[in-house]
């Protein structure tokens, strides 16, 4: 690299720094978009968890009702 004139070396370094700076800015923007996506996903996961818990409760209630209906004697009244 000693055979490259100093001004050319600095131009090369400046090019590298410009490219790295541009890449860092692009990466920062990508990270910000990913953060928004992560927040949206967390909110969706919370809603789905709540819905699943409600479904579990509903299923348990239906199972209880079915068990009571099946236990009834032949004429439909409890003895």
C-alpha atoms as a PDB file:
ATOM      1  CA  UNK A   1       0.000   0.000   0.000  1.00  0.00           C
ATOM      2  CA  UNK A   2       3.047   2.234   0.236  1.00  0.00           C
ATOM      3  CA  UNK A   3       3.019   2.697  -3.531  1.00  0.00           C
ATOM      4  CA  UNK A   4      -0.433   4.409  -3.396  1.00  0.00           C
ATOM      5  CA  UNK A   5      -0.187   8.192  -3.037  1.00  0.00           C
ATOM      6  CA  UNK A   6      -1.404   9.578   0.271  1.00  0.00           C
ATOM      7  CA  UNK A   7      -4.237  11.616  -1.257  1.00  0.00           C
ATOM      8  CA  UNK A   8      -5.558   8.500  -3.024  1.00  0.00           C
ATOM      9  CA  UNK A   9      -5.398   6.567   0.236  1.00  0.00           C
ATOM     10  CA  UNK A  10      -7.464   9.225   1.985  1.00  0.00           C
ATOM     11  CA  UNK A  11     -10.004   9.152  -0.842  1.00  0.00           C
ATOM     12  CA  UNK A  12     -10.226   5.412  -0.426  1.00  0.00           C
ATOM     13  CA  UNK A  13     -10.664   5.754   3.352  1.00  0.00           C
ATOM     14  CA  UNK A  14     -13.281   8.450   2.824  1.00  0.00           C
ATOM     15  CA  UNK A  15     -15.161   6.139   0.447  1.00  0.00           C
ATOM     16  CA  UNK A  16     -15.054   3.362   3.014  1.00  0.00           C
ATOM     17  CA  UNK A  17     -16.290   5.692   5.754  1.00  0.00           C
ATOM     18  CA  UNK A  18     -19.127   7.004   3.551  1.00  0.00           C
ATOM     19  CA  UNK A  19     -20.223   3.476   2.768  1.00  0.00           C
ATOM     20  CA  UNK A  20     -20.033   2.416   6.399  1.00  0.00           C
ATOM     21  CA  UNK A  21     -21.956   5.493   7.502  1.00  0.00           C
ATOM     22  CA  UNK A  22     -24.656   4.830   4.905  1.00  0.00           C
ATOM     23  CA  UNK A  23     -24.837   1.199   5.988  1.00  0.00           C
ATOM     24  CA  UNK A  24     -25.161   2.194   9.651  1.00  0.00           C
ATOM     25  CA  UNK A  25     -28.027   4.562   8.833  1.00  0.00           C
ATOM     26  CA  UNK A  26     -29.801   1.871   6.826  1.00  0.00           C
ATOM     27  CA  UNK A  27     -29.300  -0.599   9.668  1.00  0.00           C
ATOM     28  CA  UNK A  28     -30.673   1.891  12.194  1.00  0.00           C
ATOM     29  CA  UNK A  29     -33.806   2.332  10.083  1.00  0.00           C
ATOM     30  CA  UNK A  30     -34.186  -1.427   9.727  1.00  0.00           C
ATOM     31  CA  UNK A  31     -33.814  -1.827  13.492  1.00  0.00           C
ATOM     32  CA  UNK A  32     -36.499   0.788  14.097  1.00  0.00           C
ATOM     33  CA  UNK A  33     -38.880  -0.969  11.719  1.00  0.00           C
ATOM     34  CA  UNK A  34     -38.153  -4.264  13.461  1.00  0.00           C
ATOM     35  CA  UNK A  35     -38.869  -2.701  16.843  1.00  0.00           C
ATOM     36  CA  UNK A  36     -42.293  -1.564  15.618  1.00  0.00           C
ATOM     37  CA  UNK A  37     -42.961  -5.043  14.257  1.00  0.00           C
ATOM     38  CA  UNK A  38     -41.907  -6.583  17.576  1.00  0.00           C
ATOM     39  CA  UNK A  39     -44.267  -4.292  19.485  1.00  0.00           C
ATOM     40  CA  UNK A  40     -47.139  -5.165  17.162  1.00  0.00           C
ATOM     41  CA  UNK A  41     -46.375  -8.868  17.555  1.00  0.00           C
ATOM     42  CA  UNK A  42     -46.295  -8.563  21.343  1.00  0.00           C
ATOM     43  CA  UNK A  43     -49.714  -6.878  21.316  1.00  0.00           C
ATOM     44  CA  UNK A  44     -51.103  -9.574  19.048  1.00  0.00           C
ATOM     45  CA  UNK A  45     -49.680 -12.322  21.271  1.00  0.00           C
ATOM     46  CA  UNK A  46     -51.359 -10.723  24.272  1.00  0.00           C
ATOM     47  CA  UNK A  47     -54.728 -10.592  22.488  1.00  0.00           C
ATOM     48  CA  UNK A  48     -54.391 -14.204  21.353  1.00  0.00           C
ATOM     49  CA  UNK A  49     -53.481 -15.340  24.859  1.00  0.00           C
ATOM     50  CA  UNK A  50     -56.589 -13.625  26.220  1.00  0.00           C
ATOM     51  CA  UNK A  51     -58.759 -15.208  23.524  1.00  0.00           C
ATOM     52  CA  UNK A  52     -57.339 -18.673  24.236  1.00  0.00           C
ATOM     53  CA  UNK A  53     -58.019 -18.264  27.952  1.00  0.00           C
ATOM     54  CA  UNK A  54     -61.625 -17.324  27.187  1.00  0.00           C
ATOM     55  CA  UNK A  55     -61.965 -20.321  24.885  1.00  0.00           C
ATOM     56  CA  UNK A  56     -60.619 -22.603  27.612  1.00  0.00           C
ATOM     57  CA  UNK A  57     -63.222 -21.234  30.021  1.00  0.00           C
ATOM     58  CA  UNK A  58     -65.994 -21.650  27.467  1.00  0.00           C
ATOM     59  CA  UNK A  59     -64.906 -25.191  26.691  1.00  0.00           C
ATOM     60  CA  UNK A  60     -64.898 -26.111  30.378  1.00  0.00           C
ATOM     61  CA  UNK A  61     -68.402 -24.717  30.787  1.00  0.00           C
ATOM     62  CA  UNK A  62     -69.670 -26.644  27.757  1.00  0.00           C
ATOM     63  CA  UNK A  63     -68.102 -29.853  29.071  1.00  0.00           C
ATOM     64  CA  UNK A  64     -69.805 -29.308  32.428  1.00  0.00           C
ATOM     65  CA  UNK A  65     -73.171 -28.720  30.775  1.00  0.00           C
ATOM     66  CA  UNK A  66     -72.776 -31.796  28.583  1.00  0.00           C
ATOM     67  CA  UNK A  67     -71.868 -33.927  31.584  1.00  0.00           C
ATOM     68  CA  UNK A  68     -75.009 -32.751  33.380  1.00  0.00           C
ATOM     69  CA  UNK A  69     -77.173 -33.456  30.342  1.00  0.00           C
ATOM     70  CA  UNK A  70     -75.742 -36.960  29.887  1.00  0.00           C
ATOM     71  CA  UNK A  71     -76.315 -37.835  33.569  1.00  0.00           C
ATOM     72  CA  UNK A  72     -80.038 -37.136  33.372  1.00  0.00           C
ATOM     73  CA  UNK A  73     -82.225 -40.194  33.732  1.00  0.00           C
ATOM     74  CA  UNK A  74     -84.575 -41.435  31.010  1.00  0.00           C
ATOM     75  CA  UNK A  75     -87.463 -39.019  31.590  1.00  0.00           C
ATOM     76  CA  UNK A  76     -85.361 -35.869  31.618  1.00  0.00           C
ATOM     77  CA  UNK A  77     -85.683 -35.039  35.311  1.00  0.00           C
ATOM     78  CA  UNK A  78     -83.151 -35.362  38.075  1.00  0.00           C
ATOM     79  CA  UNK A  79     -84.135 -37.785  40.803  1.00  0.00           C
END
